[in-house]
Amino acid sequence: MRLRTSVAATVGALALVITLPSSAGAAEGAFTYQHLNQAGMERIAGLMDPQSRECITLPEVRDGAPAHSPRNHTNATATVFAGVDCEGPHFSLRPNGGHASERLKVRSVVFS
C-alpha cells in the first residue's frame, strides 16, 4: 500500500513540474524601439518576452546609429544603456508602458 501511495505522489509531483510555465526567467510582453536601417529609413523593431537578468544588445544597432524611443510593454523594469553590452549611461523604464523620447539613444537593455 505504501509503495502505491509513494508512486502516486511521485507521478503527481512530476506532472505538476511539467505543467509549470517555462517563461519563469522571461519578462512577458513586448519591448520596442526605433532605429535607422541600412538605407537610412526609420524602422520599428522589438523583443518579445525577452530573457530577464540578461544583457541584450539590440542587433540592429550594434555597429550603426543607436536606437531611440524605447517603449517597455513588458511586466518587468527595462534598464536601457547607451553602449553595447549594457555599458555606459543608463535609464530605467517602468513596466507596462514606460517609454522615452527620441532623445534617449540606446544600444542594449536588461530586464529585471
PDB file of N, CA and C in Angstrom:
ATOM      1  N   MET A   1       0.817  -1.182   0.000  1.00  0.00           N
ATOM      2  CA  MET A   1       0.000   0.000   0.000  1.00  0.00           C
ATOM      3  C   MET A   1       0.868   1.255   0.000  1.00  0.00           C
ATOM      4  N   ARG A   2       1.945   1.245   0.807  1.00  0.00           N
ATOM      5  CA  ARG A   2       2.824   2.416   0.859  1.00  0.00           C
ATOM      6  C   ARG A   2       3.506   2.654  -0.479  1.00  0.00           C
ATOM      7  N   LEU A   3       3.885   1.573  -1.163  1.00  0.00           N
ATOM      8  CA  LEU A   3       4.546   1.714  -2.453  1.00  0.00           C
ATOM      9  C   LEU A   3       3.620   2.390  -3.451  1.00  0.00           C
ATOM     10  N   ARG A   4       2.363   1.993  -3.471  1.00  0.00           N
ATOM     11  CA  ARG A   4       1.404   2.586  -4.383  1.00  0.00           C
ATOM     12  C   ARG A   4       1.215   4.071  -4.080  1.00  0.00           C
ATOM     13  N   THR A   5       1.153   4.450  -2.823  1.00  0.00           N
ATOM     14  CA  THR A   5       0.995   5.851  -2.426  1.00  0.00           C
ATOM     15  C   THR A   5       2.226   6.658  -2.824  1.00  0.00           C
ATOM     16  N   SER A   6       3.403   6.091  -2.623  1.00  0.00           N
ATOM     17  CA  SER A   6       4.642   6.781  -2.999  1.00  0.00           C
ATOM     18  C   SER A   6       4.717   6.988  -4.503  1.00  0.00           C
ATOM     19  N   VAL A   7       4.365   5.978  -5.265  1.00  0.00           N
ATOM     20  CA  VAL A   7       4.385   6.084  -6.724  1.00  0.00           C
ATOM     21  C   VAL A   7       3.383   7.139  -7.180  1.00  0.00           C
ATOM     22  N   ALA A   8       2.198   7.136  -6.603  1.00  0.00           N
ATOM     23  CA  ALA A   8       1.180   8.121  -6.976  1.00  0.00           C
ATOM     24  C   ALA A   8       1.639   9.542  -6.647  1.00  0.00           C
ATOM     25  N   ALA A   9       2.278   9.720  -5.496  1.00  0.00           N
ATOM     26  CA  ALA A   9       2.783  11.041  -5.117  1.00  0.00           C
ATOM     27  C   ALA A   9       3.886  11.491  -6.057  1.00  0.00           C
ATOM     28  N   THR A  10       4.762  10.588  -6.438  1.00  0.00           N
ATOM     29  CA  THR A  10       5.852  10.918  -7.357  1.00  0.00           C
ATOM     30  C   THR A  10       5.314  11.302  -8.727  1.00  0.00           C
ATOM     31  N   VAL A  11       4.368  10.523  -9.237  1.00  0.00           N
ATOM     32  CA  VAL A  11       3.767  10.824 -10.536  1.00  0.00           C
ATOM     33  C   VAL A  11       3.033  12.168 -10.481  1.00  0.00           C
ATOM     34  N   GLY A  12       2.340  12.436  -9.408  1.00  0.00           N
ATOM     35  CA  GLY A  12       1.640  13.711  -9.262  1.00  0.00           C
ATOM     36  C   GLY A  12       2.597  14.885  -9.212  1.00  0.00           C
ATOM     37  N   ALA A  13       3.702  14.748  -8.495  1.00  0.00           N
ATOM     38  CA  ALA A  13       4.700  15.815  -8.416  1.00  0.00           C
ATOM     39  C   ALA A  13       5.343  16.051  -9.778  1.00  0.00           C
ATOM     40  N   LEU A  14       5.643  14.980 -10.496  1.00  0.00           N
ATOM     41  CA  LEU A  14       6.230  15.102 -11.822  1.00  0.00           C
ATOM     42  C   LEU A  14       5.274  15.815 -12.775  1.00  0.00           C
ATOM     43  N   ALA A  15       3.998  15.491 -12.728  1.00  0.00           N
ATOM     44  CA  ALA A  15       3.007  16.148 -13.576  1.00  0.00           C
ATOM     45  C   ALA A  15       2.922  17.637 -13.258  1.00  0.00           C
ATOM     46  N   LEU A  16       3.025  17.986 -11.994  1.00  0.00           N
ATOM     47  CA  LEU A  16       2.981  19.396 -11.594  1.00  0.00           C
ATOM     48  C   LEU A  16       4.193  20.150 -12.127  1.00  0.00           C
ATOM     49  N   VAL A  17       5.365  19.563 -12.045  1.00  0.00           N
ATOM     50  CA  VAL A  17       6.589  20.203 -12.538  1.00  0.00           C
ATOM     51  C   VAL A  17       6.522  20.397 -14.040  1.00  0.00           C
ATOM     52  N   ILE A  18       6.021  19.426 -14.762  1.00  0.00           N
ATOM     53  CA  ILE A  18       5.939  19.513 -16.221  1.00  0.00           C
ATOM     54  C   ILE A  18       4.984  20.617 -16.653  1.00  0.00           C
ATOM     55  N   THR A  19       3.921  20.866 -15.905  1.00  0.00           N
ATOM     56  CA  THR A  19       2.933  21.863 -16.308  1.00  0.00           C
ATOM     57  C   THR A  19       3.261  23.280 -15.853  1.00  0.00           C
ATOM     58  N   LEU A  20       4.361  23.472 -15.114  1.00  0.00           N
ATOM     59  CA  LEU A  20       4.732  24.823 -14.704  1.00  0.00           C
ATOM     60  C   LEU A  20       5.123  25.639 -15.924  1.00  0.00           C
ATOM     61  N   PRO A  21       4.835  26.948 -15.927  1.00  0.00           N
ATOM     62  CA  PRO A  21       5.194  27.769 -17.078  1.00  0.00           C
ATOM     63  C   PRO A  21       6.701  27.790 -17.295  1.00  0.00           C
ATOM     64  N   SER A  22       7.091  27.756 -18.555  1.00  0.00           N
ATOM     65  CA  SER A  22       8.517  27.730 -18.867  1.00  0.00           C
ATOM     66  C   SER A  22       9.119  29.126 -18.972  1.00  0.00           C
ATOM     67  N   SER A  23       8.307  30.179 -18.897  1.00  0.00           N
ATOM     68  CA  SER A  23       8.809  31.536 -19.062  1.00  0.00           C
ATOM     69  C   SER A  23       9.136  32.197 -17.728  1.00  0.00           C
ATOM     70  N   ALA A  24       9.438  31.420 -16.717  1.00  0.00           N
ATOM     71  CA  ALA A  24       9.716  31.982 -15.404  1.00  0.00           C
ATOM     72  C   ALA A  24      10.901  32.927 -15.434  1.00  0.00           C
ATOM     73  N   GLY A  25      11.842  32.728 -16.358  1.00  0.00           N
ATOM     74  CA  GLY A  25      13.009  33.585 -16.447  1.00  0.00           C
ATOM     75  C   GLY A  25      12.884  34.656 -17.500  1.00  0.00           C
ATOM     76  N   ALA A  26      11.671  34.921 -17.951  1.00  0.00           N
ATOM     77  CA  ALA A  26      11.486  35.908 -19.014  1.00  0.00           C
ATOM     78  C   ALA A  26      10.486  36.975 -18.604  1.00  0.00           C
ATOM     79  N   ALA A  27      10.740  38.185 -19.089  1.00  0.00           N
ATOM     80  CA  ALA A  27       9.754  39.249 -18.936  1.00  0.00           C
ATOM     81  C   ALA A  27       8.663  38.973 -19.961  1.00  0.00           C
ATOM     82  N   GLU A  28       7.425  39.171 -19.596  1.00  0.00           N
ATOM     83  CA  GLU A  28       6.326  38.895 -20.517  1.00  0.00           C
ATOM     84  C   GLU A  28       5.871  40.187 -21.173  1.00  0.00           C
ATOM     85  N   GLY A  29       5.767  40.160 -22.492  1.00  0.00           N
ATOM     86  CA  GLY A  29       5.317  41.321 -23.233  1.00  0.00           C
ATOM     87  C   GLY A  29       6.346  41.754 -24.264  1.00  0.00           C
ATOM     88  N   ALA A  30       6.122  42.946 -24.812  1.00  0.00           N
ATOM     89  CA  ALA A  30       6.970  43.448 -25.891  1.00  0.00           C
ATOM     90  C   ALA A  30       7.763  44.675 -25.458  1.00  0.00           C
ATOM     91  N   PHE A  31       8.969  44.776 -25.968  1.00  0.00           N
ATOM     92  CA  PHE A  31       9.824  45.943 -25.807  1.00  0.00           C
ATOM     93  C   PHE A  31      10.144  46.401 -27.228  1.00  0.00           C
ATOM     94  N   THR A  32       9.791  47.641 -27.566  1.00  0.00           N
ATOM     95  CA  THR A  32      10.027  48.132 -28.918  1.00  0.00           C
ATOM     96  C   THR A  32      10.927  49.356 -28.910  1.00  0.00           C
ATOM     97  N   TYR A  33      11.520  49.625 -30.054  1.00  0.00           N
ATOM     98  CA  TYR A  33      12.410  50.769 -30.229  1.00  0.00           C
ATOM     99  C   TYR A  33      12.458  51.110 -31.714  1.00  0.00           C
ATOM    100  N   GLN A  34      12.903  52.317 -32.022  1.00  0.00           N
ATOM    101  CA  GLN A  34      13.040  52.749 -33.400  1.00  0.00           C
ATOM    102  C   GLN A  34      14.512  52.865 -33.753  1.00  0.00           C
ATOM    103  N   HIS A  35      14.823  52.592 -35.016  1.00  0.00           N
ATOM    104  CA  HIS A  35      16.201  52.673 -35.491  1.00  0.00           C
ATOM    105  C   HIS A  35      16.207  52.945 -36.985  1.00  0.00           C
ATOM    106  N   LEU A  36      17.356  53.323 -37.506  1.00  0.00           N
ATOM    107  CA  LEU A  36      17.524  53.518 -38.944  1.00  0.00           C
ATOM    108  C   LEU A  36      18.058  52.229 -39.563  1.00  0.00           C
ATOM    109  N   ASN A  37      17.468  51.815 -40.691  1.00  0.00           N
ATOM    110  CA  ASN A  37      18.005  50.628 -41.365  1.00  0.00           C
ATOM    111  C   ASN A  37      19.177  51.041 -42.247  1.00  0.00           C
ATOM    112  N   GLN A  38      19.733  50.110 -43.001  1.00  0.00           N
ATOM    113  CA  GLN A  38      20.910  50.392 -43.819  1.00  0.00           C
ATOM    114  C   GLN A  38      20.645  51.430 -44.896  1.00  0.00           C
ATOM    115  N   ALA A  39      19.393  51.565 -45.318  1.00  0.00           N
ATOM    116  CA  ALA A  39      19.023  52.558 -46.333  1.00  0.00           C
ATOM    117  C   ALA A  39      18.719  53.918 -45.710  1.00  0.00           C
ATOM    118  N   GLY A  40      18.837  54.008 -44.385  1.00  0.00           N
ATOM    119  CA  GLY A  40      18.564  55.272 -43.706  1.00  0.00           C
ATOM    120  C   GLY A  40      17.098  55.533 -43.422  1.00  0.00           C
ATOM    121  N   MET A  41      16.260  54.497 -43.551  1.00  0.00           N
ATOM    122  CA  MET A  41      14.825  54.631 -43.293  1.00  0.00           C
ATOM    123  C   MET A  41      14.513  54.242 -41.854  1.00  0.00           C
ATOM    124  N   GLU A  42      13.595  54.970 -41.257  1.00  0.00           N
ATOM    125  CA  GLU A  42      13.174  54.713 -39.873  1.00  0.00           C
ATOM    126  C   GLU A  42      12.392  53.405 -39.803  1.00  0.00           C
ATOM    127  N   ARG A  43      12.759  52.540 -38.855  1.00  0.00           N
ATOM    128  CA  ARG A  43      12.093  51.254 -38.654  1.00  0.00           C
ATOM    129  C   ARG A  43      11.787  51.056 -37.178  1.00  0.00           C
ATOM    130  N   ILE A  44      10.773  50.238 -36.909  1.00  0.00           N
ATOM    131  CA  ILE A  44      10.447  49.843 -35.541  1.00  0.00           C
ATOM    132  C   ILE A  44      10.818  48.377 -35.395  1.00  0.00           C
ATOM    133  N   ALA A  45      11.537  48.066 -34.334  1.00  0.00           N
ATOM    134  CA  ALA A  45      11.929  46.687 -34.044  1.00  0.00           C
ATOM    135  C   ALA A  45      11.560  46.391 -32.597  1.00  0.00           C
ATOM    136  N   GLY A  46      11.684  45.145 -32.192  1.00  0.00           N
ATOM    137  CA  GLY A  46      11.331  44.827 -30.823  1.00  0.00           C
ATOM    138  C   GLY A  46      11.791  43.459 -30.368  1.00  0.00           C
ATOM    139  N   LEU A  47      11.580  43.253 -29.093  1.00  0.00           N
ATOM    140  CA  LEU A  47      11.878  41.983 -28.437  1.00  0.00           C
ATOM    141  C   LEU A  47      10.578  41.489 -27.817  1.00  0.00           C
ATOM    142  N   MET A  48      10.242  40.239 -28.010  1.00  0.00           N
ATOM    143  CA  MET A  48       9.028  39.669 -27.435  1.00  0.00           C
ATOM    144  C   MET A  48       9.413  38.692 -26.336  1.00  0.00           C
ATOM    145  N   ASP A  49       8.854  38.877 -25.159  1.00  0.00           N
ATOM    146  CA  ASP A  49       9.134  38.031 -23.995  1.00  0.00           C
ATOM    147  C   ASP A  49      10.649  37.847 -23.791  1.00  0.00           C
ATOM    148  N   PRO A  50      11.380  38.949 -23.632  1.00  0.00           N
ATOM    149  CA  PRO A  50      12.842  38.852 -23.500  1.00  0.00           C
ATOM    150  C   PRO A  50      13.274  38.191 -22.194  1.00  0.00           C
ATOM    151  N   GLN A  51      14.442  37.590 -22.225  1.00  0.00           N
ATOM    152  CA  GLN A  51      15.016  36.930 -21.051  1.00  0.00           C
ATOM    153  C   GLN A  51      15.302  37.962 -19.957  1.00  0.00           C
ATOM    154  N   SER A  52      15.008  37.637 -18.722  1.00  0.00           N
ATOM    155  CA  SER A  52      15.273  38.523 -17.586  1.00  0.00           C
ATOM    156  C   SER A  52      16.715  38.380 -17.121  1.00  0.00           C
ATOM    157  N   ARG A  53      17.246  39.455 -16.539  1.00  0.00           N
ATOM    158  CA  ARG A  53      18.576  39.492 -15.931  1.00  0.00           C
ATOM    159  C   ARG A  53      19.690  39.047 -16.880  1.00  0.00           C
ATOM    160  N   GLU A  54      19.496  39.345 -18.169  1.00  0.00           N
ATOM    161  CA  GLU A  54      20.493  39.016 -19.168  1.00  0.00           C
ATOM    162  C   GLU A  54      20.625  40.210 -20.110  1.00  0.00           C
ATOM    163  N   CYS A  55      21.832  40.716 -20.275  1.00  0.00           N
ATOM    164  CA  CYS A  55      22.039  41.865 -21.140  1.00  0.00           C
ATOM    165  C   CYS A  55      21.756  41.486 -22.594  1.00  0.00           C
ATOM    166  N   ILE A  56      20.965  42.314 -23.262  1.00  0.00           N
ATOM    167  CA  ILE A  56      20.640  42.085 -24.662  1.00  0.00           C
ATOM    168  C   ILE A  56      21.111  43.306 -25.450  1.00  0.00           C
ATOM    169  N   THR A  57      22.091  43.106 -26.321  1.00  0.00           N
ATOM    170  CA  THR A  57      22.499  44.174 -27.229  1.00  0.00           C
ATOM    171  C   THR A  57      21.550  44.139 -28.414  1.00  0.00           C
ATOM    172  N   LEU A  58      20.939  45.261 -28.728  1.00  0.00           N
ATOM    173  CA  LEU A  58      19.957  45.325 -29.811  1.00  0.00           C
ATOM    174  C   LEU A  58      20.671  45.051 -31.134  1.00  0.00           C
ATOM    175  N   PRO A  59      20.293  43.999 -31.849  1.00  0.00           N
ATOM    176  CA  PRO A  59      21.069  43.564 -33.015  1.00  0.00           C
ATOM    177  C   PRO A  59      21.131  44.587 -34.144  1.00  0.00           C
ATOM    178  N   GLU A  60      20.086  45.363 -34.339  1.00  0.00           N
ATOM    179  CA  GLU A  60      20.051  46.313 -35.446  1.00  0.00           C
ATOM    180  C   GLU A  60      20.989  47.499 -35.248  1.00  0.00           C
ATOM    181  N   VAL A  61      21.421  47.737 -34.007  1.00  0.00           N
ATOM    182  CA  VAL A  61      22.203  48.938 -33.719  1.00  0.00           C
ATOM    183  C   VAL A  61      23.577  48.645 -33.123  1.00  0.00           C
ATOM    184  N   ARG A  62      23.994  47.413 -33.164  1.00  0.00           N
ATOM    185  CA  ARG A  62      25.294  47.049 -32.578  1.00  0.00           C
ATOM    186  C   ARG A  62      26.415  47.896 -33.167  1.00  0.00           C
ATOM    187  N   ASP A  63      26.447  48.049 -34.487  1.00  0.00           N
ATOM    188  CA  ASP A  63      27.549  48.749 -35.136  1.00  0.00           C
ATOM    189  C   ASP A  63      27.149  50.077 -35.776  1.00  0.00           C
ATOM    190  N   GLY A  64      25.870  50.331 -35.926  1.00  0.00           N
ATOM    191  CA  GLY A  64      25.416  51.558 -36.581  1.00  0.00           C
ATOM    192  C   GLY A  64      24.945  52.606 -35.591  1.00  0.00           C
ATOM    193  N   ALA A  65      24.066  53.462 -36.065  1.00  0.00           N
ATOM    194  CA  ALA A  65      23.491  54.513 -35.220  1.00  0.00           C
ATOM    195  C   ALA A  65      22.639  53.874 -34.127  1.00  0.00           C
ATOM    196  N   PRO A  66      22.612  54.465 -32.937  1.00  0.00           N
ATOM    197  CA  PRO A  66      21.833  53.876 -31.839  1.00  0.00           C
ATOM    198  C   PRO A  66      20.325  53.955 -32.095  1.00  0.00           C
ATOM    199  N   ALA A  67      19.597  53.124 -31.382  1.00  0.00           N
ATOM    200  CA  ALA A  67      18.133  53.155 -31.427  1.00  0.00           C
ATOM    201  C   ALA A  67      17.640  54.293 -30.537  1.00  0.00           C
ATOM    202  N   HIS A  68      16.356  54.594 -30.640  1.00  0.00           N
ATOM    203  CA  HIS A  68      15.750  55.631 -29.810  1.00  0.00           C
ATOM    204  C   HIS A  68      14.275  55.302 -29.580  1.00  0.00           C
ATOM    205  N   SER A  69      13.620  56.122 -28.793  1.00  0.00           N
ATOM    206  CA  SER A  69      12.188  55.994 -28.498  1.00  0.00           C
ATOM    207  C   SER A  69      11.795  54.610 -27.973  1.00  0.00           C
ATOM    208  N   PRO A  70      12.490  54.093 -26.955  1.00  0.00           N
ATOM    209  CA  PRO A  70      12.131  52.766 -26.435  1.00  0.00           C
ATOM    210  C   PRO A  70      10.773  52.791 -25.733  1.00  0.00           C
ATOM    211  N   ARG A  71      10.042  51.695 -25.853  1.00  0.00           N
ATOM    212  CA  ARG A  71       8.742  51.527 -25.200  1.00  0.00           C
ATOM    213  C   ARG A  71       8.736  50.166 -24.522  1.00  0.00           C
ATOM    214  N   ASN A  72       8.478  50.175 -23.220  1.00  0.00           N
ATOM    215  CA  ASN A  72       8.505  48.940 -22.436  1.00  0.00           C
ATOM    216  C   ASN A  72       7.091  48.480 -22.101  1.00  0.00           C
ATOM    217  N   HIS A  73       6.606  47.504 -22.841  1.00  0.00           N
ATOM    218  CA  HIS A  73       5.280  46.933 -22.572  1.00  0.00           C
ATOM    219  C   HIS A  73       5.425  45.533 -21.988  1.00  0.00           C
ATOM    220  N   THR A  74       6.530  45.306 -21.257  1.00  0.00           N
ATOM    221  CA  THR A  74       6.708  44.032 -20.556  1.00  0.00           C
ATOM    222  C   THR A  74       6.256  44.212 -19.112  1.00  0.00           C
ATOM    223  N   ASN A  75       6.255  43.132 -18.365  1.00  0.00           N
ATOM    224  CA  ASN A  75       5.876  43.200 -16.949  1.00  0.00           C
ATOM    225  C   ASN A  75       7.089  43.389 -16.043  1.00  0.00           C
ATOM    226  N   ALA A  76       8.236  43.751 -16.613  1.00  0.00           N
ATOM    227  CA  ALA A  76       9.469  43.956 -15.846  1.00  0.00           C
ATOM    228  C   ALA A  76      10.044  45.342 -16.134  1.00  0.00           C
ATOM    229  N   THR A  77      10.835  45.856 -15.211  1.00  0.00           N
ATOM    230  CA  THR A  77      11.540  47.111 -15.453  1.00  0.00           C
ATOM    231  C   THR A  77      12.614  46.867 -16.502  1.00  0.00           C
ATOM    232  N   ALA A  78      12.704  47.748 -17.484  1.00  0.00           N
ATOM    233  CA  ALA A  78      13.746  47.657 -18.516  1.00  0.00           C
ATOM    234  C   ALA A  78      14.765  48.759 -18.263  1.00  0.00           C
ATOM    235  N   THR A  79      16.006  48.390 -18.119  1.00  0.00           N
ATOM    236  CA  THR A  79      17.073  49.379 -17.984  1.00  0.00           C
ATOM    237  C   THR A  79      17.820  49.400 -19.307  1.00  0.00           C
ATOM    238  N   VAL A  80      17.762  50.564 -19.981  1.00  0.00           N
ATOM    239  CA  VAL A  80      18.405  50.710 -21.284  1.00  0.00           C
ATOM    240  C   VAL A  80      19.748  51.409 -21.118  1.00  0.00           C
ATOM    241  N   PHE A  81      20.694  51.046 -21.973  1.00  0.00           N
ATOM    242  CA  PHE A  81      22.059  51.562 -21.893  1.00  0.00           C
ATOM    243  C   PHE A  81      22.463  52.217 -23.203  1.00  0.00           C
ATOM    244  N   ALA A  82      23.300  53.235 -23.106  1.00  0.00           N
ATOM    245  CA  ALA A  82      23.796  53.934 -24.289  1.00  0.00           C
ATOM    246  C   ALA A  82      24.801  53.089 -25.063  1.00  0.00           C
ATOM    247  N   GLY A  83      25.483  52.179 -24.398  1.00  0.00           N
ATOM    248  CA  GLY A  83      26.506  51.364 -25.046  1.00  0.00           C
ATOM    249  C   GLY A  83      26.082  49.923 -25.214  1.00  0.00           C
ATOM    250  N   VAL A  84      26.856  49.186 -26.010  1.00  0.00           N
ATOM    251  CA  VAL A  84      26.621  47.747 -26.163  1.00  0.00           C
ATOM    252  C   VAL A  84      27.021  47.041 -24.874  1.00  0.00           C
ATOM    253  N   ASP A  85      26.559  45.850 -24.700  1.00  0.00           N
ATOM    254  CA  ASP A  85      26.879  45.013 -23.540  1.00  0.00           C
ATOM    255  C   ASP A  85      26.524  45.679 -22.210  1.00  0.00           C
ATOM    256  N   CYS A  86      25.459  46.476 -22.217  1.00  0.00           N
ATOM    257  CA  CYS A  86      24.934  47.138 -21.014  1.00  0.00           C
ATOM    258  C   CYS A  86      25.997  47.985 -20.315  1.00  0.00           C
ATOM    259  N   GLU A  87      26.692  48.778 -21.102  1.00  0.00           N
ATOM    260  CA  GLU A  87      27.705  49.679 -20.567  1.00  0.00           C
ATOM    261  C   GLU A  87      27.326  51.120 -20.859  1.00  0.00           C
ATOM    262  N   GLY A  88      27.870  52.009 -20.065  1.00  0.00           N
ATOM    263  CA  GLY A  88      27.652  53.433 -20.264  1.00  0.00           C
ATOM    264  C   GLY A  88      26.444  53.949 -19.517  1.00  0.00           C
ATOM    265  N   PRO A  89      26.054  55.195 -19.816  1.00  0.00           N
ATOM    266  CA  PRO A  89      24.895  55.788 -19.144  1.00  0.00           C
ATOM    267  C   PRO A  89      23.652  54.923 -19.346  1.00  0.00           C
ATOM    268  N   HIS A  90      22.791  54.910 -18.346  1.00  0.00           N
ATOM    269  CA  HIS A  90      21.592  54.084 -18.426  1.00  0.00           C
ATOM    270  C   HIS A  90      20.372  54.829 -17.901  1.00  0.00           C
ATOM    271  N   PHE A  91      19.207  54.285 -18.236  1.00  0.00           N
ATOM    272  CA  PHE A  91      17.930  54.874 -17.851  1.00  0.00           C
ATOM    273  C   PHE A  91      16.936  53.735 -17.663  1.00  0.00           C
ATOM    274  N   SER A  92      16.106  53.805 -16.628  1.00  0.00           N
ATOM    275  CA  SER A  92      15.121  52.750 -16.366  1.00  0.00           C
ATOM    276  C   SER A  92      13.746  53.134 -16.877  1.00  0.00           C
ATOM    277  N   LEU A  93      13.078  52.170 -17.483  1.00  0.00           N
ATOM    278  CA  LEU A  93      11.712  52.333 -17.971  1.00  0.00           C
ATOM    279  C   LEU A  93      10.802  51.427 -17.157  1.00  0.00           C
ATOM    280  N   ARG A  94       9.771  51.997 -16.581  1.00  0.00           N
ATOM    281  CA  ARG A  94       8.857  51.218 -15.747  1.00  0.00           C
ATOM    282  C   ARG A  94       8.142  50.152 -16.576  1.00  0.00           C
ATOM    283  N   PRO A  95       7.646  49.118 -15.920  1.00  0.00           N
ATOM    284  CA  PRO A  95       6.889  48.078 -16.633  1.00  0.00           C
ATOM    285  C   PRO A  95       5.558  48.613 -17.161  1.00  0.00           C
ATOM    286  N   ASN A  96       4.981  47.898 -18.097  1.00  0.00           N
ATOM    287  CA  ASN A  96       3.631  48.151 -18.601  1.00  0.00           C
ATOM    288  C   ASN A  96       3.418  49.562 -19.124  1.00  0.00           C
ATOM    289  N   GLY A  97       4.290  50.005 -20.001  1.00  0.00           N
ATOM    290  CA  GLY A  97       4.066  51.279 -20.675  1.00  0.00           C
ATOM    291  C   GLY A  97       5.139  52.332 -20.501  1.00  0.00           C
ATOM    292  N   GLY A  98       6.208  52.047 -19.782  1.00  0.00           N
ATOM    293  CA  GLY A  98       7.281  53.028 -19.640  1.00  0.00           C
ATOM    294  C   GLY A  98       7.901  53.331 -20.995  1.00  0.00           C
ATOM    295  N   HIS A  99       8.185  54.601 -21.253  1.00  0.00           N
ATOM    296  CA  HIS A  99       8.737  54.964 -22.548  1.00  0.00           C
ATOM    297  C   HIS A  99       9.621  56.204 -22.428  1.00  0.00           C
ATOM    298  N   ALA A 100      10.356  56.474 -23.488  1.00  0.00           N
ATOM    299  CA  ALA A 100      11.221  57.650 -23.543  1.00  0.00           C
ATOM    300  C   ALA A 100      11.141  58.222 -24.954  1.00  0.00           C
ATOM    301  N   SER A 101      11.613  59.446 -25.098  1.00  0.00           N
ATOM    302  CA  SER A 101      11.538  60.132 -26.385  1.00  0.00           C
ATOM    303  C   SER A 101      12.681  59.728 -27.300  1.00  0.00           C
ATOM    304  N   GLU A 102      12.701  60.323 -28.468  1.00  0.00           N
ATOM    305  CA  GLU A 102      13.762  60.040 -29.432  1.00  0.00           C
ATOM    306  C   GLU A 102      15.113  60.594 -28.990  1.00  0.00           C
ATOM    307  N   ARG A 103      15.115  61.420 -27.958  1.00  0.00           N
ATOM    308  CA  ARG A 103      16.383  61.946 -27.445  1.00  0.00           C
ATOM    309  C   ARG A 103      17.196  60.898 -26.697  1.00  0.00           C
ATOM    310  N   LEU A 104      16.532  59.846 -26.193  1.00  0.00           N
ATOM    311  CA  LEU A 104      17.237  58.787 -25.466  1.00  0.00           C
ATOM    312  C   LEU A 104      17.789  57.777 -26.476  1.00  0.00           C
ATOM    313  N   LYS A 105      19.097  57.700 -26.583  1.00  0.00           N
ATOM    314  CA  LYS A 105      19.770  56.800 -27.526  1.00  0.00           C
ATOM    315  C   LYS A 105      20.173  55.529 -26.786  1.00  0.00           C
ATOM    316  N   VAL A 106      19.830  54.368 -27.348  1.00  0.00           N
ATOM    317  CA  VAL A 106      20.075  53.087 -26.672  1.00  0.00           C
ATOM    318  C   VAL A 106      20.705  52.070 -27.622  1.00  0.00           C
ATOM    319  N   ARG A 107      21.520  51.190 -27.022  1.00  0.00           N
ATOM    320  CA  ARG A 107      22.133  50.089 -27.788  1.00  0.00           C
ATOM    321  C   ARG A 107      21.930  48.736 -27.095  1.00  0.00           C
ATOM    322  N   SER A 108      21.579  48.745 -25.809  1.00  0.00           N
ATOM    323  CA  SER A 108      21.375  47.476 -25.098  1.00  0.00           C
ATOM    324  C   SER A 108      20.379  47.670 -23.968  1.00  0.00           C
ATOM    325  N   VAL A 109      19.879  46.550 -23.467  1.00  0.00           N
ATOM    326  CA  VAL A 109      18.833  46.584 -22.437  1.00  0.00           C
ATOM    327  C   VAL A 109      18.931  45.337 -21.556  1.00  0.00           C
ATOM    328  N   VAL A 110      18.517  45.490 -20.312  1.00  0.00           N
ATOM    329  CA  VAL A 110      18.403  44.355 -19.401  1.00  0.00           C
ATOM    330  C   VAL A 110      17.068  44.500 -18.669  1.00  0.00           C
ATOM    331  N   PHE A 111      16.386  43.378 -18.434  1.00  0.00           N
ATOM    332  CA  PHE A 111      15.082  43.366 -17.768  1.00  0.00           C
ATOM    333  C   PHE A 111      15.230  42.773 -16.383  1.00  0.00           C
ATOM    334  N   SER A 112      14.544  43.381 -15.410  1.00  0.00           N
ATOM    335  CA  SER A 112      14.644  42.889 -14.017  1.00  0.00           C
ATOM    336  C   SER A 112      13.712  41.722 -13.797  1.00  0.00           C
TER     337      SER A 112
END
